[in-house]
Amino acid sequence: MVLVTVLILLGLLAVAVPVAAVLGVLGLSLSTLYSPLPLTFAMGEILWSTSNNFLLVAMPFFILLGEIMLRTGMAERMYAALALWMPWLPGGLMHANVAACALFAATSGSSVATAATIGTVALDEVEKRGYSERLFLGTIVAGGTLGILIPPSINMIVYGVLTETSIPQLYLAGFLPGLLLAALFSLTVVALCLINPALDGERLTSSRAQRRAALPDLLPPVVIFLAVVGSIYAGWATATEAAALGVIAALAIAGAQRRLNLPVLLSAFEGTIRTTAMIMAIILAAYFLNFVITAIGLTGQINALITSLGLSPYALLAVVVVFYLVLGMFMETLSMMVATVPIIAPVVVAAGFDPVWFGVVVMLLMELAMITPPVGINLYVVQGLRTRGRIDDVIIGAAPFVIAIMATVLLLAVWPQIALWLPGALR
């Protein structure tokens, strides 16, 4: 049964069937092949109860928040300000890429939106400043992945819904690992530029007065972040309500800057509707698939198989990491989470690992999937922004940052308190 499932899944992905359709067809196929009862009769109830989940309402709000920041120029001005503050490190503007991704991630909740937004405002600097194009692209691809680790995060909301884990606790747990990973990305750039100075480019020069004058452009993302995350931990709002507060804050800032008008709103709404529809189609199809595989006993078979191996907790964790590393090469991250977390998480938690800690590890493994070919979505997002050259350049540029993500997973395995200290301190 497991082999048949994997073959159907990989076969459909190989012929470029959309991910939502793959998950739906796989669910229908397994129901037909292995269930004595017509499981499709339950489809309506599953789709309605899933789409009616209040926590998922946060997703379109976070997507709209990112759209507003992009289309009103907040992201562009934020990047320009960071570029003035970070020219002294080896790698220059590449550190501004990572820092801008981290700051934008703290408002958008989406890795794709982060990579697309920062890539849009940064790519013109490659030829102008003489940077290594591959490494410059790699910093945008890798930095974009911070969108699902640094809170607020859409993927953390999905993980919390799937595992019934506290989303505020997950958000707290993502802070320090997110900052650690951003630091490791920058350290990777420094090391590569010191080893090979040809990778570096022209350094921007700025006076103290110019840097001070640029500081107000860093305030909008900070204000939005405080509105979203601060309202959650002050007890004023749930995760969904906080996302709505973030949108209100973004609209207020854009209005105060006189950059809010009807065309901007309509384009932001259009982008939000398109992205939300894609995500919800994947989630609904994956929930039906999860129902089918549980009903036919596939979940029990996988759990029994893992249990029969008699692995120690850390050996089990290593198997899970390898599993997601391989699967991430062929599946989009959100669909991979919804299809696998309900099966994998109970086994990992039963082995003694904290579900909040494992949520952070899952986010890191999803980040890894976003930058590993052939299906790494951030690779294609950044390549699409280039409109020239081969995707090989993007893949090669992102490769060093795979090591940084794996190093962060290893550090979390050795020192779980990197993720668990903040939730424990503020509980």
Protein backbone atom coordinates (compact mmCIF):
# COMPACT_ATOMS: atom_id res chain seq x y z
CA MET A 1 0.00 0.00 0.00
CA VAL A 2 2.83 2.41 0.87
CA LEU A 3 4.65 1.62 -2.39
CA VAL A 4 1.51 2.13 -4.47
CA THR A 5 0.89 5.48 -2.77
CA VAL A 6 4.44 6.70 -3.44
CA LEU A 7 4.34 5.56 -7.07
CA ILE A 8 1.03 7.31 -7.76
CA LEU A 9 2.27 10.48 -6.05
CA LEU A 10 5.59 10.66 -7.89
CA GLY A 11 4.00 9.66 -11.20
CA LEU A 12 1.49 12.50 -11.08
CA LEU A 13 4.12 15.02 -10.01
CA ALA A 14 6.43 13.85 -12.82
CA VAL A 15 3.85 14.75 -15.48
CA ALA A 16 3.45 18.24 -13.98
CA VAL A 17 -0.09 17.83 -12.65
CA PRO A 18 -0.89 20.75 -10.25
CA VAL A 19 -0.19 19.83 -6.65
CA ALA A 20 -3.79 20.26 -5.42
CA ALA A 21 -5.01 17.95 -8.20
CA VAL A 22 -2.27 15.42 -7.37
CA LEU A 23 -3.38 15.19 -3.75
CA GLY A 24 -7.07 14.95 -4.69
CA VAL A 25 -6.49 12.28 -7.34
CA LEU A 26 -4.26 10.33 -4.96
CA GLY A 27 -7.01 10.39 -2.31
CA LEU A 28 -9.63 9.21 -4.80
CA SER A 29 -7.32 6.47 -6.13
CA LEU A 30 -6.50 5.09 -2.69
CA SER A 31 -10.18 5.18 -1.73
CA THR A 32 -11.11 3.21 -4.83
CA LEU A 33 -8.29 0.68 -4.47
CA TYR A 34 -8.32 -0.03 -0.74
CA SER A 35 -11.53 1.10 0.92
CA PRO A 36 -14.58 -1.20 1.13
CA LEU A 37 -16.74 1.92 1.66
CA PRO A 38 -17.10 4.94 -0.67
CA LEU A 39 -15.03 7.50 1.24
CA THR A 40 -15.98 10.18 -1.27
CA PHE A 41 -19.31 10.50 0.57
CA ALA A 42 -17.39 12.22 3.37
CA MET A 43 -15.69 14.71 1.04
CA GLY A 44 -18.27 17.48 1.46
CA GLU A 45 -18.10 17.40 5.25
CA ILE A 46 -14.27 17.34 5.23
CA LEU A 47 -13.96 20.25 2.81
CA TRP A 48 -16.53 22.33 4.69
CA SER A 49 -15.12 21.72 8.17
CA THR A 50 -11.57 22.43 6.95
CA SER A 51 -12.40 25.63 5.10
CA ASN A 52 -14.50 26.75 8.08
CA ASN A 53 -11.49 26.68 10.45
CA PHE A 54 -11.14 30.13 12.01
CA LEU A 55 -7.34 29.94 12.25
CA LEU A 56 -7.00 29.60 8.47
CA VAL A 57 -8.61 33.01 8.02
CA ALA A 58 -5.25 34.45 9.07
CA MET A 59 -3.67 33.30 5.79
CA PRO A 60 -5.38 35.75 3.40
CA PHE A 61 -4.74 38.56 5.88
CA PHE A 62 -1.00 37.85 5.96
CA ILE A 63 -0.90 37.51 2.18
CA LEU A 64 -2.74 40.83 1.80
CA LEU A 65 -0.31 42.43 4.26
CA GLY A 66 2.65 41.41 2.10
CA GLU A 67 0.90 42.61 -1.07
CA ILE A 68 0.24 46.04 0.45
CA MET A 69 3.88 46.42 1.57
CA LEU A 70 5.13 45.49 -1.90
CA ARG A 71 2.73 47.61 -3.93
CA THR A 72 2.98 50.75 -1.80
CA GLY A 73 6.79 50.82 -1.92
CA MET A 74 7.39 50.09 1.78
CA ALA A 75 9.59 47.10 0.94
CA GLU A 76 11.67 49.07 -1.56
CA ARG A 77 12.36 51.90 0.89
CA MET A 78 13.14 49.38 3.65
CA TYR A 79 15.75 47.70 1.43
CA ALA A 80 17.34 51.02 0.49
CA ALA A 81 17.65 51.95 4.17
CA LEU A 82 19.26 48.62 5.10
CA ALA A 83 21.68 48.96 2.19
CA LEU A 84 23.00 52.16 3.77
CA TRP A 85 23.49 50.51 7.16
CA MET A 86 25.29 47.32 6.03
CA PRO A 87 28.01 48.20 3.51
CA TRP A 88 31.00 47.49 5.76
CA LEU A 89 30.77 43.67 5.90
CA PRO A 90 32.46 41.49 3.25
CA GLY A 91 29.58 40.87 0.85
CA GLY A 92 28.06 44.34 1.20
CA LEU A 93 24.56 44.40 -0.24
CA MET A 94 24.19 40.63 0.08
CA HIS A 95 23.83 41.18 3.82
CA ALA A 96 21.17 43.76 3.07
CA ASN A 97 19.36 41.03 1.12
CA VAL A 98 19.38 38.72 4.14
CA ALA A 99 18.46 41.48 6.61
CA ALA A 100 15.65 42.77 4.37
CA CYS A 101 14.29 39.23 4.01
CA ALA A 102 14.36 38.77 7.80
CA LEU A 103 12.61 42.09 8.40
CA PHE A 104 10.01 41.50 5.70
CA ALA A 105 9.48 37.94 7.00
CA ALA A 106 8.49 39.48 10.34
CA THR A 107 5.45 40.99 8.62
CA SER A 108 4.47 38.81 5.66
CA GLY A 109 4.38 35.20 6.94
CA SER A 110 5.22 33.84 3.49
CA SER A 111 8.57 32.71 2.06
CA VAL A 112 7.47 33.10 -1.55
CA ALA A 113 6.24 36.65 -0.89
CA THR A 114 9.50 37.46 0.91
CA ALA A 115 11.73 36.15 -1.91
CA ALA A 116 9.59 37.80 -4.59
CA THR A 117 9.43 41.17 -2.85
CA ILE A 118 13.10 41.50 -1.91
CA GLY A 119 14.16 40.03 -5.26
CA THR A 120 12.10 42.64 -7.09
CA VAL A 121 13.83 45.53 -5.33
CA ALA A 122 17.35 44.04 -5.14
CA LEU A 123 18.15 42.41 -8.47
CA ASP A 124 19.04 45.65 -10.25
CA GLU A 125 22.06 45.97 -7.96
CA VAL A 126 23.84 42.83 -9.23
CA GLU A 127 25.37 44.26 -12.41
CA LYS A 128 25.42 47.84 -11.15
CA ARG A 129 27.66 46.94 -8.18
CA GLY A 130 29.63 44.05 -9.72
CA TYR A 131 28.61 41.28 -7.33
CA SER A 132 28.83 37.58 -8.13
CA GLU A 133 25.41 37.03 -9.65
CA ARG A 134 25.12 33.46 -8.40
CA LEU A 135 25.87 34.24 -4.76
CA PHE A 136 23.73 37.40 -4.86
CA LEU A 137 20.79 35.35 -6.15
CA GLY A 138 21.49 32.70 -3.52
CA THR A 139 21.12 35.22 -0.69
CA ILE A 140 17.66 36.18 -1.96
CA VAL A 141 16.57 32.55 -2.42
CA ALA A 142 17.81 31.52 1.03
CA GLY A 143 16.81 34.74 2.79
CA GLY A 144 13.30 34.35 1.41
CA THR A 145 12.87 31.09 3.30
CA LEU A 146 12.96 33.04 6.59
CA GLY A 147 9.33 33.97 5.86
CA ILE A 148 8.06 30.70 7.30
CA LEU A 149 10.36 30.61 10.34
CA ILE A 150 10.37 34.16 11.70
CA PRO A 151 6.87 34.86 13.03
CA PRO A 152 4.23 35.54 11.94
CA SER A 153 4.25 32.49 9.67
CA ILE A 154 1.48 31.00 7.54
CA ASN A 155 3.12 27.56 7.64
CA MET A 156 3.29 27.67 11.45
CA ILE A 157 -0.45 28.31 11.52
CA VAL A 158 -1.00 25.25 9.32
CA TYR A 159 1.30 23.14 11.53
CA GLY A 160 -0.56 24.35 14.63
CA VAL A 161 -3.91 23.42 13.09
CA LEU A 162 -2.66 19.99 12.01
CA THR A 163 -1.10 19.08 15.37
CA GLU A 164 -3.31 21.12 17.72
CA THR A 165 -0.22 22.96 18.94
CA SER A 166 -0.38 26.48 20.39
CA ILE A 167 0.35 28.99 17.61
CA PRO A 168 1.59 31.71 20.04
CA GLN A 169 4.04 29.14 21.47
CA LEU A 170 5.18 28.24 17.94
CA TYR A 171 5.69 31.91 17.11
CA LEU A 172 7.82 32.41 20.22
CA ALA A 173 9.83 29.29 19.40
CA GLY A 174 10.61 30.58 15.91
CA PHE A 175 12.24 33.86 17.00
CA LEU A 176 15.71 32.75 18.10
CA PRO A 177 16.16 30.02 15.44
CA GLY A 178 15.08 32.56 12.80
CA LEU A 179 17.64 35.11 13.96
CA LEU A 180 20.27 32.37 14.26
CA LEU A 181 19.62 31.20 10.71
CA ALA A 182 19.77 34.76 9.35
CA ALA A 183 23.12 35.20 11.13
CA LEU A 184 24.40 31.93 9.64
CA PHE A 185 23.33 33.08 6.16
CA SER A 186 25.34 36.28 6.62
CA LEU A 187 28.27 34.32 8.06
CA THR A 188 28.18 32.10 4.96
CA VAL A 189 28.44 35.20 2.75
CA VAL A 190 31.34 36.59 4.80
CA ALA A 191 33.23 33.28 4.64
CA LEU A 192 32.76 32.89 0.89
CA CYS A 193 33.79 36.49 0.18
CA LEU A 194 36.90 36.17 2.35
CA ILE A 195 37.86 32.92 0.62
CA ASN A 196 37.17 34.36 -2.84
CA PRO A 197 37.17 38.20 -2.89
CA ALA A 198 36.00 38.12 -6.54
CA LEU A 199 32.52 37.24 -5.24
CA ASP A 200 32.27 40.62 -3.51
CA GLY A 201 31.17 43.83 -5.23
CA GLU A 202 31.27 47.57 -4.87
CA ARG A 203 30.58 48.77 -1.34
CA LEU A 204 28.08 51.56 -0.87
CA THR A 205 29.37 54.57 0.99
CA SER A 206 27.08 56.51 3.26
CA SER A 207 27.50 59.27 5.80
CA ARG A 208 26.13 59.15 9.31
CA ALA A 209 23.56 61.77 8.32
CA GLN A 210 22.35 59.63 5.39
CA ARG A 211 21.98 56.60 7.63
CA ARG A 212 20.02 58.58 10.21
CA ALA A 213 17.81 60.03 7.48
CA ALA A 214 17.00 56.49 6.26
CA LEU A 215 15.90 55.21 9.68
CA PRO A 216 12.22 56.24 9.24
CA ASP A 217 11.99 53.84 6.29
CA LEU A 218 12.70 50.97 8.70
CA LEU A 219 9.84 51.93 11.01
CA PRO A 220 6.83 50.65 8.96
CA PRO A 221 7.79 46.94 9.12
CA VAL A 222 8.67 47.32 12.81
CA VAL A 223 5.31 48.96 13.58
CA ILE A 224 3.44 46.26 11.62
CA PHE A 225 5.41 43.53 13.41
CA LEU A 226 4.54 45.01 16.80
CA ALA A 227 0.89 45.31 15.79
CA VAL A 228 0.77 41.63 14.78
CA VAL A 229 2.99 39.83 17.27
CA GLY A 230 2.63 42.34 20.11
CA SER A 231 -1.16 42.12 20.06
CA ILE A 232 -0.96 38.32 20.39
CA TYR A 233 1.33 38.32 23.43
CA ALA A 234 -0.42 41.25 25.07
CA GLY A 235 -3.54 39.09 25.04
CA TRP A 236 -5.46 41.58 22.90
CA ALA A 237 -5.93 39.38 19.83
CA THR A 238 -5.83 35.84 18.50
CA ALA A 239 -3.47 34.95 15.62
CA THR A 240 -6.27 35.61 13.13
CA GLU A 241 -7.28 38.92 14.69
CA ALA A 242 -3.63 39.96 14.87
CA ALA A 243 -3.25 39.34 11.13
CA ALA A 244 -6.20 41.67 10.53
CA LEU A 245 -4.57 44.29 12.79
CA GLY A 246 -1.42 44.00 10.68
CA VAL A 247 -3.42 44.77 7.53
CA ILE A 248 -5.03 47.77 9.23
CA ALA A 249 -1.59 49.03 10.32
CA ALA A 250 -0.21 48.61 6.79
CA LEU A 251 -3.17 50.46 5.28
CA ALA A 252 -2.82 53.26 7.83
CA ILE A 253 0.92 53.66 7.14
CA ALA A 254 0.40 53.57 3.35
CA GLY A 255 -2.37 56.15 3.69
CA ALA A 256 -0.21 58.41 5.85
CA GLN A 257 2.54 58.20 3.22
CA ARG A 258 0.01 59.09 0.49
CA ARG A 259 0.72 55.88 -1.41
CA LEU A 260 -2.70 54.27 -1.03
CA ASN A 261 -5.10 54.52 -3.96
CA LEU A 262 -7.70 52.41 -5.74
CA PRO A 263 -5.35 50.80 -8.35
CA VAL A 264 -2.94 49.78 -5.57
CA LEU A 265 -5.76 48.25 -3.51
CA LEU A 266 -7.23 46.39 -6.49
CA SER A 267 -3.86 44.89 -7.47
CA ALA A 268 -3.21 43.89 -3.83
CA PHE A 269 -6.65 42.26 -3.60
CA GLU A 270 -6.12 40.42 -6.89
CA GLY A 271 -2.77 39.01 -5.78
CA THR A 272 -4.24 38.01 -2.43
CA ILE A 273 -7.18 36.19 -4.00
CA ARG A 274 -4.97 34.30 -6.43
CA THR A 275 -2.48 33.15 -3.78
CA THR A 276 -5.16 32.30 -1.20
CA ALA A 277 -7.12 30.22 -3.72
CA MET A 278 -3.99 28.22 -4.57
CA ILE A 279 -3.14 27.58 -0.91
CA MET A 280 -6.69 26.64 0.07
CA ALA A 281 -7.00 24.22 -2.87
CA ILE A 282 -3.87 22.44 -1.66
CA ILE A 283 -5.05 22.34 1.97
CA LEU A 284 -8.53 21.04 1.13
CA ALA A 285 -7.18 18.30 -1.15
CA ALA A 286 -4.55 17.33 1.41
CA TYR A 287 -7.10 17.09 4.22
CA PHE A 288 -9.21 14.73 2.13
CA LEU A 289 -6.08 12.67 1.38
CA ASN A 290 -5.24 12.54 5.10
CA PHE A 291 -8.76 11.28 5.83
CA VAL A 292 -8.41 8.54 3.20
CA ILE A 293 -5.00 7.31 4.28
CA THR A 294 -6.19 7.14 7.90
CA ALA A 295 -9.38 5.32 6.93
CA ILE A 296 -7.58 2.66 4.86
CA GLY A 297 -5.00 2.06 7.61
CA LEU A 298 -1.97 3.51 5.83
CA THR A 299 -1.12 5.77 8.79
CA GLY A 300 -1.12 2.75 11.11
CA GLN A 301 1.11 0.81 8.70
CA ILE A 302 3.68 3.61 8.57
CA ASN A 303 3.67 4.02 12.34
CA ALA A 304 4.05 0.27 12.80
CA LEU A 305 6.90 0.19 10.30
CA ILE A 306 8.77 2.99 12.08
CA THR A 307 8.14 1.45 15.50
CA SER A 308 9.37 -1.96 14.32
CA LEU A 309 12.72 -0.45 13.36
CA GLY A 310 13.48 0.08 17.05
CA LEU A 311 15.25 3.38 16.43
CA SER A 312 16.53 5.61 19.21
CA PRO A 313 14.89 9.07 19.35
CA TYR A 314 17.78 10.79 17.56
CA ALA A 315 18.08 8.04 14.97
CA LEU A 316 14.36 8.53 14.32
CA LEU A 317 14.94 12.26 13.97
CA ALA A 318 17.74 11.61 11.46
CA VAL A 319 15.39 9.41 9.42
CA VAL A 320 12.74 12.15 9.48
CA VAL A 321 15.28 14.75 8.29
CA VAL A 322 16.40 12.52 5.41
CA PHE A 323 12.76 11.75 4.56
CA TYR A 324 11.87 15.45 4.27
CA LEU A 325 15.11 16.23 2.44
CA VAL A 326 14.26 13.69 -0.27
CA LEU A 327 10.52 14.41 -0.39
CA GLY A 328 11.20 18.14 -0.50
CA MET A 329 12.92 17.70 -3.84
CA PHE A 330 9.62 16.63 -5.39
CA MET A 331 6.79 18.32 -3.46
CA GLU A 332 5.72 21.88 -2.72
CA THR A 333 6.22 22.66 0.97
CA LEU A 334 2.68 23.45 2.09
CA SER A 335 1.24 20.34 0.47
CA MET A 336 4.12 18.26 1.87
CA MET A 337 3.35 19.55 5.36
CA VAL A 338 -0.37 18.87 5.18
CA ALA A 339 0.18 15.42 3.69
CA THR A 340 2.90 14.23 6.09
CA VAL A 341 2.81 16.11 9.41
CA PRO A 342 -0.34 14.31 10.70
CA ILE A 343 1.53 11.03 10.19
CA ILE A 344 5.06 12.00 11.25
CA ALA A 345 4.39 14.34 14.18
CA PRO A 346 2.67 11.79 16.47
CA VAL A 347 5.56 9.36 15.99
CA VAL A 348 8.17 12.02 16.77
CA VAL A 349 6.27 13.32 19.82
CA ALA A 350 5.82 9.73 21.06
CA ALA A 351 9.62 9.38 20.88
CA GLY A 352 9.90 12.17 23.47
CA PHE A 353 10.36 15.32 21.39
CA ASP A 354 8.43 18.50 22.17
CA PRO A 355 5.73 19.28 19.55
CA VAL A 356 6.60 23.01 19.61
CA TRP A 357 10.29 22.23 19.07
CA PHE A 358 9.42 19.80 16.27
CA GLY A 359 7.31 22.52 14.66
CA VAL A 360 10.42 24.69 14.35
CA VAL A 361 12.40 21.76 12.94
CA VAL A 362 9.64 21.14 10.38
CA MET A 363 9.82 24.82 9.34
CA LEU A 364 13.58 24.46 8.78
CA LEU A 365 13.06 21.32 6.72
CA MET A 366 10.41 23.14 4.68
CA GLU A 367 12.94 25.94 4.13
CA LEU A 368 15.37 23.32 2.87
CA ALA A 369 12.76 22.04 0.43
CA MET A 370 12.29 25.58 -0.92
CA ILE A 371 15.89 25.83 -2.14
CA THR A 372 16.61 22.27 -3.29
CA PRO A 373 15.95 21.31 -6.93
CA PRO A 374 14.03 20.20 -8.89
CA VAL A 375 10.90 21.61 -7.18
CA GLY A 376 12.38 24.26 -4.84
CA ILE A 377 9.82 27.00 -5.30
CA ASN A 378 12.05 29.91 -4.25
CA LEU A 379 14.51 28.92 -6.98
CA TYR A 380 11.82 29.42 -9.61
CA VAL A 381 10.50 32.61 -8.02
CA VAL A 382 13.91 34.29 -8.19
CA GLN A 383 14.66 32.89 -11.66
CA GLY A 384 11.31 34.29 -12.82
CA LEU A 385 12.33 37.73 -11.57
CA ARG A 386 15.58 37.58 -13.55
CA THR A 387 13.91 37.00 -16.97
CA ARG A 388 17.26 35.84 -18.34
CA GLY A 389 19.96 33.23 -17.84
CA ARG A 390 19.60 29.64 -16.66
CA ILE A 391 18.17 28.41 -13.39
CA ASP A 392 21.49 26.60 -12.82
CA ASP A 393 22.92 29.93 -11.62
CA VAL A 394 20.22 30.23 -8.96
CA ILE A 395 20.65 26.62 -7.83
CA ILE A 396 24.44 26.93 -7.52
CA GLY A 397 24.10 30.24 -5.68
CA ALA A 398 21.69 28.74 -3.16
CA ALA A 399 23.75 25.59 -2.53
CA PRO A 400 26.01 27.00 0.26
CA PHE A 401 22.95 28.04 2.26
CA VAL A 402 21.70 24.44 2.40
CA ILE A 403 24.63 23.82 4.75
CA ALA A 404 23.53 26.73 6.96
CA ILE A 405 20.00 25.33 7.28
CA MET A 406 21.29 21.83 8.08
CA ALA A 407 23.64 23.34 10.66
CA THR A 408 20.67 25.07 12.32
CA VAL A 409 18.76 21.76 12.47
CA LEU A 410 21.82 20.14 14.08
CA LEU A 411 22.14 22.97 16.61
CA LEU A 412 18.46 22.61 17.53
CA ALA A 413 18.89 18.87 17.99
CA VAL A 414 21.88 19.39 20.29
CA TRP A 415 20.45 22.43 22.13
CA PRO A 416 16.63 22.29 21.98
CA GLN A 417 16.46 25.32 24.29
CA ILE A 418 17.36 27.54 21.33
CA ALA A 419 13.71 27.09 20.35
CA LEU A 420 12.14 26.28 23.73
CA TRP A 421 13.72 28.90 25.99
CA LEU A 422 11.56 31.84 24.91
CA PRO A 423 8.22 29.95 25.04
CA GLY A 424 9.16 28.63 28.49
CA ALA A 425 10.27 32.03 29.78
CA LEU A 426 7.07 33.79 28.67
CA ARG A 427 4.60 31.00 29.41
